[in-house]
Amino acid sequence: QVQLVESGGGLVQAGGSLRLSCAASGFTFSSYAMSWYRQAPGKERELVAAITSAGGSTNYADSVKGRFTISRDNAKNTVFLQMENLKPEDTAVYYCNLDRWGARYWGQGTQVTVSS
């Protein structure tokens, strides 16, 4: 079965950096686009970044453009989110996402907290 396991979250000061990882299993990772979402307290889950199956194309939410970079290693079945110049408003639980055959799959999430 599909499994997505996020890691790399934590507490960081504003202006700092974190690198999130999502280890995937149970499907042919290299065949699917992958995404990162986040959900802040009291807010809806929102798309942060997405990457195509081969990694040739990416897109980002306007709020993170120029600060976050999504990438993937298909040999290791892992997708990454490099986050730079973090802001308090980036505080949220970050989720790895796979959309496949009309179903949505999520990891357990990893908490990112940015202090001012």
PDB file of N, CA and C in Angstrom:
ATOM      1  N   GLN A   1       0.832  -1.179   0.000  1.00  0.00           N
ATOM      2  CA  GLN A   1       0.000   0.000   0.000  1.00  0.00           C
ATOM      3  C   GLN A   1       0.883   1.252   0.000  1.00  0.00           C
ATOM      4  N   VAL A   2       0.276   2.343  -0.429  1.00  0.00           N
ATOM      5  CA  VAL A   2       1.008   3.604  -0.495  1.00  0.00           C
ATOM      6  C   VAL A   2       1.369   4.062   0.911  1.00  0.00           C
ATOM      7  N   GLN A   3       2.622   4.426   1.082  1.00  0.00           N
ATOM      8  CA  GLN A   3       3.078   5.022   2.335  1.00  0.00           C
ATOM      9  C   GLN A   3       3.908   6.253   2.016  1.00  0.00           C
ATOM     10  N   LEU A   4       3.636   7.329   2.735  1.00  0.00           N
ATOM     11  CA  LEU A   4       4.384   8.569   2.630  1.00  0.00           C
ATOM     12  C   LEU A   4       4.805   8.968   4.033  1.00  0.00           C
ATOM     13  N   VAL A   5       6.092   9.118   4.252  1.00  0.00           N
ATOM     14  CA  VAL A   5       6.605   9.413   5.590  1.00  0.00           C
ATOM     15  C   VAL A   5       7.454  10.669   5.534  1.00  0.00           C
ATOM     16  N   GLU A   6       6.947  11.731   6.148  1.00  0.00           N
ATOM     17  CA  GLU A   6       7.662  13.005   6.168  1.00  0.00           C
ATOM     18  C   GLU A   6       8.612  13.076   7.354  1.00  0.00           C
ATOM     19  N   SER A   7       9.654  13.850   7.184  1.00  0.00           N
ATOM     20  CA  SER A   7      10.597  14.114   8.259  1.00  0.00           C
ATOM     21  C   SER A   7      11.278  15.443   8.001  1.00  0.00           C
ATOM     22  N   GLY A   8      11.958  15.953   9.017  1.00  0.00           N
ATOM     23  CA  GLY A   8      12.761  17.158   8.842  1.00  0.00           C
ATOM     24  C   GLY A   8      12.176  18.422   9.431  1.00  0.00           C
ATOM     25  N   GLY A   9      10.969  18.351   9.961  1.00  0.00           N
ATOM     26  CA  GLY A   9      10.388  19.537  10.570  1.00  0.00           C
ATOM     27  C   GLY A   9      11.076  19.898  11.879  1.00  0.00           C
ATOM     28  N   GLY A  10      10.697  21.035  12.433  1.00  0.00           N
ATOM     29  CA  GLY A  10      11.273  21.452  13.694  1.00  0.00           C
ATOM     30  C   GLY A  10      10.986  22.900  13.996  1.00  0.00           C
ATOM     31  N   LEU A  11      11.682  23.398  15.008  1.00  0.00           N
ATOM     32  CA  LEU A  11      11.559  24.797  15.423  1.00  0.00           C
ATOM     33  C   LEU A  11      12.759  25.564  14.908  1.00  0.00           C
ATOM     34  N   VAL A  12      12.494  26.683  14.247  1.00  0.00           N
ATOM     35  CA  VAL A  12      13.576  27.484  13.677  1.00  0.00           C
ATOM     36  C   VAL A  12      13.231  28.956  13.842  1.00  0.00           C
ATOM     37  N   GLN A  13      14.235  29.788  13.934  1.00  0.00           N
ATOM     38  CA  GLN A  13      14.003  31.228  14.005  1.00  0.00           C
ATOM     39  C   GLN A  13      13.706  31.789  12.626  1.00  0.00           C
ATOM     40  N   ALA A  14      13.014  32.892  12.621  1.00  0.00           N
ATOM     41  CA  ALA A  14      12.740  33.574  11.351  1.00  0.00           C
ATOM     42  C   ALA A  14      14.054  33.853  10.625  1.00  0.00           C
ATOM     43  N   GLY A  15      14.043  33.604   9.321  1.00  0.00           N
ATOM     44  CA  GLY A  15      15.237  33.748   8.512  1.00  0.00           C
ATOM     45  C   GLY A  15      16.032  32.464   8.360  1.00  0.00           C
ATOM     46  N   GLY A  16      15.672  31.465   9.136  1.00  0.00           N
ATOM     47  CA  GLY A  16      16.381  30.199   9.091  1.00  0.00           C
ATOM     48  C   GLY A  16      15.913  29.286   7.967  1.00  0.00           C
ATOM     49  N   SER A  17      16.472  28.083   7.956  1.00  0.00           N
ATOM     50  CA  SER A  17      16.204  27.126   6.886  1.00  0.00           C
ATOM     51  C   SER A  17      15.873  25.756   7.462  1.00  0.00           C
ATOM     52  N   LEU A  18      15.106  25.009   6.704  1.00  0.00           N
ATOM     53  CA  LEU A  18      14.828  23.607   7.004  1.00  0.00           C
ATOM     54  C   LEU A  18      14.715  22.851   5.687  1.00  0.00           C
ATOM     55  N   ARG A  19      14.997  21.558   5.752  1.00  0.00           N
ATOM     56  CA  ARG A  19      14.812  20.694   4.590  1.00  0.00           C
ATOM     57  C   ARG A  19      13.905  19.541   4.988  1.00  0.00           C
ATOM     58  N   LEU A  20      12.766  19.481   4.372  1.00  0.00           N
ATOM     59  CA  LEU A  20      11.825  18.398   4.612  1.00  0.00           C
ATOM     60  C   LEU A  20      12.067  17.272   3.607  1.00  0.00           C
ATOM     61  N   SER A  21      11.844  16.056   4.069  1.00  0.00           N
ATOM     62  CA  SER A  21      11.935  14.882   3.207  1.00  0.00           C
ATOM     63  C   SER A  21      10.650  14.081   3.301  1.00  0.00           C
ATOM     64  N   CYS A  22      10.318  13.414   2.226  1.00  0.00           N
ATOM     65  CA  CYS A  22       9.166  12.513   2.207  1.00  0.00           C
ATOM     66  C   CYS A  22       9.605  11.225   1.530  1.00  0.00           C
ATOM     67  N   ALA A  23       9.667  10.162   2.298  1.00  0.00           N
ATOM     68  CA  ALA A  23      10.025   8.851   1.765  1.00  0.00           C
ATOM     69  C   ALA A  23       8.765   8.129   1.328  1.00  0.00           C
ATOM     70  N   ALA A  24       8.735   7.693   0.084  1.00  0.00           N
ATOM     71  CA  ALA A  24       7.547   7.083  -0.492  1.00  0.00           C
ATOM     72  C   ALA A  24       7.767   5.599  -0.758  1.00  0.00           C
ATOM     73  N   SER A  25       6.709   4.832  -0.630  1.00  0.00           N
ATOM     74  CA  SER A  25       6.768   3.403  -0.953  1.00  0.00           C
ATOM     75  C   SER A  25       5.383   2.915  -1.332  1.00  0.00           C
ATOM     76  N   GLY A  26       5.348   1.741  -1.946  1.00  0.00           N
ATOM     77  CA  GLY A  26       4.076   1.121  -2.287  1.00  0.00           C
ATOM     78  C   GLY A  26       3.531   1.491  -3.651  1.00  0.00           C
ATOM     79  N   PHE A  27       4.277   2.232  -4.430  1.00  0.00           N
ATOM     80  CA  PHE A  27       3.859   2.591  -5.781  1.00  0.00           C
ATOM     81  C   PHE A  27       5.118   2.930  -6.586  1.00  0.00           C
ATOM     82  N   THR A  28       4.937   3.071  -7.894  1.00  0.00           N
ATOM     83  CA  THR A  28       6.062   3.386  -8.768  1.00  0.00           C
ATOM     84  C   THR A  28       6.318   4.887  -8.695  1.00  0.00           C
ATOM     85  N   PHE A  29       7.173   5.269  -7.776  1.00  0.00           N
ATOM     86  CA  PHE A  29       7.397   6.674  -7.442  1.00  0.00           C
ATOM     87  C   PHE A  29       7.729   7.508  -8.666  1.00  0.00           C
ATOM     88  N   SER A  30       8.573   7.004  -9.527  1.00  0.00           N
ATOM     89  CA  SER A  30       9.062   7.787 -10.666  1.00  0.00           C
ATOM     90  C   SER A  30       7.986   8.063 -11.711  1.00  0.00           C
ATOM     91  N   SER A  31       6.812   7.484 -11.548  1.00  0.00           N
ATOM     92  CA  SER A  31       5.735   7.664 -12.525  1.00  0.00           C
ATOM     93  C   SER A  31       4.750   8.759 -12.150  1.00  0.00           C
ATOM     94  N   TYR A  32       4.901   9.355 -10.973  1.00  0.00           N
ATOM     95  CA  TYR A  32       3.881  10.269 -10.472  1.00  0.00           C
ATOM     96  C   TYR A  32       4.444  11.609 -10.022  1.00  0.00           C
ATOM     97  N   ALA A  33       3.662  12.654 -10.314  1.00  0.00           N
ATOM     98  CA  ALA A  33       3.953  13.945  -9.723  1.00  0.00           C
ATOM     99  C   ALA A  33       3.743  13.866  -8.218  1.00  0.00           C
ATOM    100  N   MET A  34       4.443  14.715  -7.502  1.00  0.00           N
ATOM    101  CA  MET A  34       4.327  14.765  -6.048  1.00  0.00           C
ATOM    102  C   MET A  34       4.162  16.222  -5.612  1.00  0.00           C
ATOM    103  N   SER A  35       3.574  16.384  -4.458  1.00  0.00           N
ATOM    104  CA  SER A  35       3.319  17.742  -3.972  1.00  0.00           C
ATOM    105  C   SER A  35       3.583  17.836  -2.478  1.00  0.00           C
ATOM    106  N   TRP A  36       3.802  19.054  -2.036  1.00  0.00           N
ATOM    107  CA  TRP A  36       3.826  19.394  -0.611  1.00  0.00           C
ATOM    108  C   TRP A  36       2.664  20.350  -0.336  1.00  0.00           C
ATOM    109  N   TYR A  37       1.955  20.092   0.733  1.00  0.00           N
ATOM    110  CA  TYR A  37       0.899  20.956   1.218  1.00  0.00           C
ATOM    111  C   TYR A  37       1.244  21.354   2.654  1.00  0.00           C
ATOM    112  N   ARG A  38       0.540  22.365   3.145  1.00  0.00           N
ATOM    113  CA  ARG A  38       0.677  22.718   4.556  1.00  0.00           C
ATOM    114  C   ARG A  38      -0.670  23.160   5.108  1.00  0.00           C
ATOM    115  N   GLN A  39      -0.785  23.007   6.417  1.00  0.00           N
ATOM    116  CA  GLN A  39      -2.012  23.428   7.092  1.00  0.00           C
ATOM    117  C   GLN A  39      -1.649  24.098   8.408  1.00  0.00           C
ATOM    118  N   ALA A  40      -1.989  25.362   8.490  1.00  0.00           N
ATOM    119  CA  ALA A  40      -1.779  26.135   9.715  1.00  0.00           C
ATOM    120  C   ALA A  40      -3.022  26.019  10.591  1.00  0.00           C
ATOM    121  N   PRO A  41      -2.873  26.244  11.887  1.00  0.00           N
ATOM    122  CA  PRO A  41      -4.036  26.133  12.790  1.00  0.00           C
ATOM    123  C   PRO A  41      -5.174  27.037  12.350  1.00  0.00           C
ATOM    124  N   GLY A  42      -6.353  26.472  12.251  1.00  0.00           N
ATOM    125  CA  GLY A  42      -7.531  27.239  11.892  1.00  0.00           C
ATOM    126  C   GLY A  42      -7.651  27.581  10.428  1.00  0.00           C
ATOM    127  N   LYS A  43      -6.750  27.050   9.613  1.00  0.00           N
ATOM    128  CA  LYS A  43      -6.775  27.353   8.187  1.00  0.00           C
ATOM    129  C   LYS A  43      -6.917  26.076   7.371  1.00  0.00           C
ATOM    130  N   GLU A  44      -7.311  26.258   6.108  1.00  0.00           N
ATOM    131  CA  GLU A  44      -7.421  25.108   5.227  1.00  0.00           C
ATOM    132  C   GLU A  44      -6.037  24.661   4.749  1.00  0.00           C
ATOM    133  N   ARG A  45      -5.972  23.400   4.376  1.00  0.00           N
ATOM    134  CA  ARG A  45      -4.733  22.885   3.807  1.00  0.00           C
ATOM    135  C   ARG A  45      -4.507  23.551   2.446  1.00  0.00           C
ATOM    136  N   GLU A  46      -3.272  23.958   2.200  1.00  0.00           N
ATOM    137  CA  GLU A  46      -2.966  24.653   0.953  1.00  0.00           C
ATOM    138  C   GLU A  46      -1.763  24.040   0.257  1.00  0.00           C
ATOM    139  N   LEU A  47      -1.786  24.116  -1.064  1.00  0.00           N
ATOM    140  CA  LEU A  47      -0.673  23.623  -1.869  1.00  0.00           C
ATOM    141  C   LEU A  47       0.516  24.561  -1.712  1.00  0.00           C
ATOM    142  N   VAL A  48       1.668  23.990  -1.446  1.00  0.00           N
ATOM    143  CA  VAL A  48       2.898  24.762  -1.321  1.00  0.00           C
ATOM    144  C   VAL A  48       3.743  24.641  -2.585  1.00  0.00           C
ATOM    145  N   ALA A  49       3.963  23.401  -3.041  1.00  0.00           N
ATOM    146  CA  ALA A  49       4.817  23.178  -4.200  1.00  0.00           C
ATOM    147  C   ALA A  49       4.495  21.819  -4.804  1.00  0.00           C
ATOM    148  N   ALA A  50       4.761  21.700  -6.101  1.00  0.00           N
ATOM    149  CA  ALA A  50       4.534  20.447  -6.799  1.00  0.00           C
ATOM    150  C   ALA A  50       5.655  20.218  -7.796  1.00  0.00           C
ATOM    151  N   ILE A  51       5.885  18.955  -8.118  1.00  0.00           N
ATOM    152  CA  ILE A  51       6.954  18.600  -9.055  1.00  0.00           C
ATOM    153  C   ILE A  51       6.465  17.448  -9.925  1.00  0.00           C
ATOM    154  N   THR A  52       6.810  17.496 -11.198  1.00  0.00           N
ATOM    155  CA  THR A  52       6.407  16.446 -12.114  1.00  0.00           C
ATOM    156  C   THR A  52       7.196  15.164 -11.866  1.00  0.00           C
ATOM    157  N   SER A  53       6.783  14.096 -12.529  1.00  0.00           N
ATOM    158  CA  SER A  53       7.334  12.776 -12.221  1.00  0.00           C
ATOM    159  C   SER A  53       8.851  12.695 -12.433  1.00  0.00           C
ATOM    160  N   ALA A  54       9.351  13.327 -13.478  1.00  0.00           N
ATOM    161  CA  ALA A  54      10.787  13.295 -13.746  1.00  0.00           C
ATOM    162  C   ALA A  54      11.526  14.481 -13.130  1.00  0.00           C
ATOM    163  N   GLY A  55      10.770  15.373 -12.527  1.00  0.00           N
ATOM    164  CA  GLY A  55      11.382  16.525 -11.880  1.00  0.00           C
ATOM    165  C   GLY A  55      11.672  17.687 -12.805  1.00  0.00           C
ATOM    166  N   GLY A  56      11.177  17.607 -14.038  1.00  0.00           N
ATOM    167  CA  GLY A  56      11.510  18.644 -14.993  1.00  0.00           C
ATOM    168  C   GLY A  56      10.715  19.923 -14.855  1.00  0.00           C
ATOM    169  N   SER A  57       9.631  19.875 -14.113  1.00  0.00           N
ATOM    170  CA  SER A  57       8.786  21.060 -13.956  1.00  0.00           C
ATOM    171  C   SER A  57       8.298  21.159 -12.520  1.00  0.00           C
ATOM    172  N   THR A  58       8.299  22.377 -12.020  1.00  0.00           N
ATOM    173  CA  THR A  58       7.838  22.621 -10.659  1.00  0.00           C
ATOM    174  C   THR A  58       6.905  23.821 -10.647  1.00  0.00           C
ATOM    175  N   ASN A  59       6.068  23.901  -9.626  1.00  0.00           N
ATOM    176  CA  ASN A  59       5.311  25.131  -9.408  1.00  0.00           C
ATOM    177  C   ASN A  59       5.145  25.355  -7.917  1.00  0.00           C
ATOM    178  N   TYR A  60       4.923  26.629  -7.575  1.00  0.00           N
ATOM    179  CA  TYR A  60       4.935  27.048  -6.191  1.00  0.00           C
ATOM    180  C   TYR A  60       3.785  28.001  -5.889  1.00  0.00           C
ATOM    181  N   ALA A  61       3.355  27.970  -4.639  1.00  0.00           N
ATOM    182  CA  ALA A  61       2.439  29.001  -4.174  1.00  0.00           C
ATOM    183  C   ALA A  61       3.172  30.340  -4.195  1.00  0.00           C
ATOM    184  N   ASP A  62       2.435  31.398  -4.487  1.00  0.00           N
ATOM    185  CA  ASP A  62       3.062  32.718  -4.552  1.00  0.00           C
ATOM    186  C   ASP A  62       3.762  33.068  -3.240  1.00  0.00           C
ATOM    187  N   SER A  63       3.221  32.607  -2.147  1.00  0.00           N
ATOM    188  CA  SER A  63       3.756  32.974  -0.835  1.00  0.00           C
ATOM    189  C   SER A  63       5.133  32.387  -0.549  1.00  0.00           C
ATOM    190  N   VAL A  64       5.529  31.367  -1.321  1.00  0.00           N
ATOM    191  CA  VAL A  64       6.827  30.719  -1.065  1.00  0.00           C
ATOM    192  C   VAL A  64       7.790  30.826  -2.237  1.00  0.00           C
ATOM    193  N   LYS A  65       7.355  31.399  -3.340  1.00  0.00           N
ATOM    194  CA  LYS A  65       8.239  31.518  -4.510  1.00  0.00           C
ATOM    195  C   LYS A  65       9.497  32.278  -4.150  1.00  0.00           C
ATOM    196  N   GLY A  66      10.631  31.733  -4.606  1.00  0.00           N
ATOM    197  CA  GLY A  66      11.911  32.357  -4.334  1.00  0.00           C
ATOM    198  C   GLY A  66      12.511  31.964  -3.004  1.00  0.00           C
ATOM    199  N   ARG A  67      11.724  31.279  -2.153  1.00  0.00           N
ATOM    200  CA  ARG A  67      12.248  30.862  -0.839  1.00  0.00           C
ATOM    201  C   ARG A  67      12.271  29.343  -0.689  1.00  0.00           C
ATOM    202  N   PHE A  68      11.322  28.654  -1.303  1.00  0.00           N
ATOM    203  CA  PHE A  68      11.221  27.191  -1.200  1.00  0.00           C
ATOM    204  C   PHE A  68      11.608  26.552  -2.529  1.00  0.00           C
ATOM    205  N   THR A  69      12.209  25.363  -2.433  1.00  0.00           N
ATOM    206  CA  THR A  69      12.552  24.594  -3.624  1.00  0.00           C
ATOM    207  C   THR A  69      12.132  23.145  -3.426  1.00  0.00           C
ATOM    208  N   ILE A  70      11.323  22.653  -4.333  1.00  0.00           N
ATOM    209  CA  ILE A  70      10.942  21.245  -4.315  1.00  0.00           C
ATOM    210  C   ILE A  70      11.850  20.476  -5.268  1.00  0.00           C
ATOM    211  N   SER A  71      12.229  19.279  -4.860  1.00  0.00           N
ATOM    212  CA  SER A  71      13.068  18.431  -5.706  1.00  0.00           C
ATOM    213  C   SER A  71      12.750  16.970  -5.373  1.00  0.00           C
ATOM    214  N   ARG A  72      13.302  16.083  -6.161  1.00  0.00           N
ATOM    215  CA  ARG A  72      13.048  14.664  -5.916  1.00  0.00           C
ATOM    216  C   ARG A  72      14.251  13.842  -6.346  1.00  0.00           C
ATOM    217  N   ASP A  73      14.367  12.672  -5.729  1.00  0.00           N
ATOM    218  CA  ASP A  73      15.389  11.697  -6.085  1.00  0.00           C
ATOM    219  C   ASP A  73      14.639  10.400  -6.392  1.00  0.00           C
ATOM    220  N   ASN A  74      14.431  10.122  -7.651  1.00  0.00           N
ATOM    221  CA  ASN A  74      13.650   8.949  -8.023  1.00  0.00           C
ATOM    222  C   ASN A  74      14.366   7.637  -7.709  1.00  0.00           C
ATOM    223  N   ALA A  75      15.675   7.677  -7.595  1.00  0.00           N
ATOM    224  CA  ALA A  75      16.425   6.477  -7.227  1.00  0.00           C
ATOM    225  C   ALA A  75      16.192   6.114  -5.755  1.00  0.00           C
ATOM    226  N   LYS A  76      15.845   7.131  -4.958  1.00  0.00           N
ATOM    227  CA  LYS A  76      15.642   6.903  -3.526  1.00  0.00           C
ATOM    228  C   LYS A  76      14.178   7.052  -3.116  1.00  0.00           C
ATOM    229  N   ASN A  77      13.296   7.225  -4.107  1.00  0.00           N
ATOM    230  CA  ASN A  77      11.861   7.363  -3.820  1.00  0.00           C
ATOM    231  C   ASN A  77      11.585   8.433  -2.766  1.00  0.00           C
ATOM    232  N   THR A  78      12.208   9.575  -2.944  1.00  0.00           N
ATOM    233  CA  THR A  78      12.104  10.635  -1.950  1.00  0.00           C
ATOM    234  C   THR A  78      11.872  11.978  -2.630  1.00  0.00           C
ATOM    235  N   VAL A  79      10.996  12.764  -2.034  1.00  0.00           N
ATOM    236  CA  VAL A  79      10.773  14.135  -2.484  1.00  0.00           C
ATOM    237  C   VAL A  79      11.165  15.062  -1.333  1.00  0.00           C
ATOM    238  N   PHE A  80      11.733  16.202  -1.692  1.00  0.00           N
ATOM    239  CA  PHE A  80      12.272  17.130  -0.713  1.00  0.00           C
ATOM    240  C   PHE A  80      11.595  18.498  -0.841  1.00  0.00           C
ATOM    241  N   LEU A  81      11.650  19.231   0.251  1.00  0.00           N
ATOM    242  CA  LEU A  81      11.254  20.639   0.219  1.00  0.00           C
ATOM    243  C   LEU A  81      12.299  21.415   0.999  1.00  0.00           C
ATOM    244  N   GLN A  82      13.120  22.154   0.273  1.00  0.00           N
ATOM    245  CA  GLN A  82      14.118  23.018   0.890  1.00  0.00           C
ATOM    246  C   GLN A  82      13.473  24.361   1.151  1.00  0.00           C
ATOM    247  N   MET A  83      13.503  24.793   2.405  1.00  0.00           N
ATOM    248  CA  MET A  83      12.831  26.031   2.799  1.00  0.00           C
ATOM    249  C   MET A  83      13.867  27.001   3.336  1.00  0.00           C
ATOM    250  N   GLU A  84      13.958  28.154   2.721  1.00  0.00           N
ATOM    251  CA  GLU A  84      14.912  29.181   3.100  1.00  0.00           C
ATOM    252  C   GLU A  84      14.155  30.429   3.551  1.00  0.00           C
ATOM    253  N   ASN A  85      14.871  31.277   4.293  1.00  0.00           N
ATOM    254  CA  ASN A  85      14.301  32.554   4.734  1.00  0.00           C
ATOM    255  C   ASN A  85      12.895  32.350   5.311  1.00  0.00           C
ATOM    256  N   LEU A  86      12.802  31.435   6.241  1.00  0.00           N
ATOM    257  CA  LEU A  86      11.498  31.102   6.807  1.00  0.00           C
ATOM    258  C   LEU A  86      10.907  32.267   7.581  1.00  0.00           C
ATOM    259  N   LYS A  87       9.574  32.347   7.518  1.00  0.00           N
ATOM    260  CA  LYS A  87       8.847  33.416   8.181  1.00  0.00           C
ATOM    261  C   LYS A  87       7.855  32.812   9.182  1.00  0.00           C
ATOM    262  N   PRO A  88       7.464  33.567  10.189  1.00  0.00           N
ATOM    263  CA  PRO A  88       6.488  33.025  11.147  1.00  0.00           C
ATOM    264  C   PRO A  88       5.218  32.507  10.467  1.00  0.00           C
ATOM    265  N   GLU A  89       4.827  33.133   9.376  1.00  0.00           N
ATOM    266  CA  GLU A  89       3.614  32.687   8.686  1.00  0.00           C
ATOM    267  C   GLU A  89       3.790  31.363   7.954  1.00  0.00           C
ATOM    268  N   ASP A  90       5.005  30.843   7.907  1.00  0.00           N
ATOM    269  CA  ASP A  90       5.236  29.504   7.348  1.00  0.00           C
ATOM    270  C   ASP A  90       4.951  28.406   8.375  1.00  0.00           C
ATOM    271  N   THR A  91       4.684  28.796   9.602  1.00  0.00           N
ATOM    272  CA  THR A  91       4.377  27.815  10.638  1.00  0.00           C
ATOM    273  C   THR A  91       3.139  27.015  10.267  1.00  0.00           C
ATOM    274  N   ALA A  92       3.291  25.697  10.238  1.00  0.00           N
ATOM    275  CA  ALA A  92       2.204  24.810   9.814  1.00  0.00           C
ATOM    276  C   ALA A  92       2.677  23.363   9.931  1.00  0.00           C
ATOM    277  N   VAL A  93       1.738  22.455   9.762  1.00  0.00           N
ATOM    278  CA  VAL A  93       2.084  21.059   9.541  1.00  0.00           C
ATOM    279  C   VAL A  93       2.215  20.870   8.037  1.00  0.00           C
ATOM    280  N   TYR A  94       3.318  20.305   7.615  1.00  0.00           N
ATOM    281  CA  TYR A  94       3.608  20.109   6.200  1.00  0.00           C
ATOM    282  C   TYR A  94       3.373  18.640   5.834  1.00  0.00           C
ATOM    283  N   TYR A  95       2.642  18.454   4.731  1.00  0.00           N
ATOM    284  CA  TYR A  95       2.252  17.120   4.289  1.00  0.00           C
ATOM    285  C   TYR A  95       2.764  16.841   2.889  1.00  0.00           C
ATOM    286  N   CYS A  96       3.211  15.638   2.702  1.00  0.00           N
ATOM    287  CA  CYS A  96       3.540  15.105   1.383  1.00  0.00           C
ATOM    288  C   CYS A  96       2.261  14.540   0.765  1.00  0.00           C
ATOM    289  N   ASN A  97       2.102  14.715  -0.544  1.00  0.00           N
ATOM    290  CA  ASN A  97       0.863  14.297  -1.203  1.00  0.00           C
ATOM    291  C   ASN A  97       1.125  13.579  -2.515  1.00  0.00           C
ATOM    292  N   LEU A  98       0.343  12.537  -2.716  1.00  0.00           N
ATOM    293  CA  LEU A  98       0.287  11.830  -4.001  1.00  0.00           C
ATOM    294  C   LEU A  98      -1.176  11.784  -4.449  1.00  0.00           C
ATOM    295  N   ASP A  99      -1.428  12.180  -5.675  1.00  0.00           N
ATOM    296  CA  ASP A  99      -2.740  11.982  -6.291  1.00  0.00           C
ATOM    297  C   ASP A  99      -2.597  10.882  -7.327  1.00  0.00           C
ATOM    298  N   ARG A 100      -3.347   9.808  -7.171  1.00  0.00           N
ATOM    299  CA  ARG A 100      -3.216   8.684  -8.094  1.00  0.00           C
ATOM    300  C   ARG A 100      -4.569   8.051  -8.314  1.00  0.00           C
ATOM    301  N   TRP A 101      -4.946   7.929  -9.572  1.00  0.00           N
ATOM    302  CA  TRP A 101      -6.182   7.226  -9.957  1.00  0.00           C
ATOM    303  C   TRP A 101      -7.403   7.768  -9.213  1.00  0.00           C
ATOM    304  N   GLY A 102      -7.437   9.086  -9.018  1.00  0.00           N
ATOM    305  CA  GLY A 102      -8.579   9.694  -8.359  1.00  0.00           C
ATOM    306  C   GLY A 102      -8.552   9.637  -6.844  1.00  0.00           C
ATOM    307  N   ALA A 103      -7.536   9.048  -6.267  1.00  0.00           N
ATOM    308  CA  ALA A 103      -7.405   8.988  -4.809  1.00  0.00           C
ATOM    309  C   ALA A 103      -6.275   9.905  -4.356  1.00  0.00           C
ATOM    310  N   ARG A 104      -6.413  10.461  -3.167  1.00  0.00           N
ATOM    311  CA  ARG A 104      -5.397  11.326  -2.587  1.00  0.00           C
ATOM    312  C   ARG A 104      -4.768  10.605  -1.402  1.00  0.00           C
ATOM    313  N   TYR A 105      -3.452  10.652  -1.370  1.00  0.00           N
ATOM    314  CA  TYR A 105      -2.712  10.012  -0.292  1.00  0.00           C
ATOM    315  C   TYR A 105      -1.898  11.067   0.434  1.00  0.00           C
ATOM    316  N   TRP A 106      -1.841  10.932   1.770  1.00  0.00           N
ATOM    317  CA  TRP A 106      -1.125  11.882   2.610  1.00  0.00           C
ATOM    318  C   TRP A 106      -0.218  11.160   3.580  1.00  0.00           C
ATOM    319  N   GLY A 107       0.883  11.829   3.913  1.00  0.00           N
ATOM    320  CA  GLY A 107       1.681  11.351   5.014  1.00  0.00           C
ATOM    321  C   GLY A 107       1.082  11.807   6.329  1.00  0.00           C
ATOM    322  N   GLN A 108       1.801  11.547   7.413  1.00  0.00           N
ATOM    323  CA  GLN A 108       1.323  11.920   8.741  1.00  0.00           C
ATOM    324  C   GLN A 108       1.594  13.394   9.042  1.00  0.00           C
ATOM    325  N   GLY A 109       2.440  13.993   8.243  1.00  0.00           N
ATOM    326  CA  GLY A 109       2.777  15.405   8.430  1.00  0.00           C
ATOM    327  C   GLY A 109       3.972  15.613   9.341  1.00  0.00           C
ATOM    328  N   THR A 110       4.621  16.750   9.150  1.00  0.00           N
ATOM    329  CA  THR A 110       5.738  17.134   9.997  1.00  0.00           C
ATOM    330  C   THR A 110       5.555  18.606  10.369  1.00  0.00           C
ATOM    331  N   GLN A 111       5.706  18.911  11.641  1.00  0.00           N
ATOM    332  CA  GLN A 111       5.459  20.257  12.143  1.00  0.00           C
ATOM    333  C   GLN A 111       6.657  21.159  11.882  1.00  0.00           C
ATOM    334  N   VAL A 112       6.367  22.316  11.321  1.00  0.00           N
ATOM    335  CA  VAL A 112       7.359  23.375  11.154  1.00  0.00           C
ATOM    336  C   VAL A 112       6.880  24.582  11.955  1.00  0.00           C
ATOM    337  N   THR A 113       7.718  25.042  12.860  1.00  0.00           N
ATOM    338  CA  THR A 113       7.391  26.208  13.676  1.00  0.00           C
ATOM    339  C   THR A 113       8.494  27.243  13.510  1.00  0.00           C
ATOM    340  N   VAL A 114       8.097  28.442  13.109  1.00  0.00           N
ATOM    341  CA  VAL A 114       9.055  29.524  12.889  1.00  0.00           C
ATOM    342  C   VAL A 114       8.787  30.606  13.927  1.00  0.00           C
ATOM    343  N   SER A 115       9.774  30.855  14.733  1.00  0.00           N
ATOM    344  CA  SER A 115       9.622  31.875  15.774  1.00  0.00           C
ATOM    345  C   SER A 115      10.129  33.223  15.273  1.00  0.00           C
ATOM    346  N   SER A 116       9.503  34.273  15.763  1.00  0.00           N
ATOM    347  CA  SER A 116       9.882  35.632  15.319  1.00  0.00           C
ATOM    348  C   SER A 116      10.955  36.222  16.219  1.00  0.00           C
TER     349      SER A 116
END
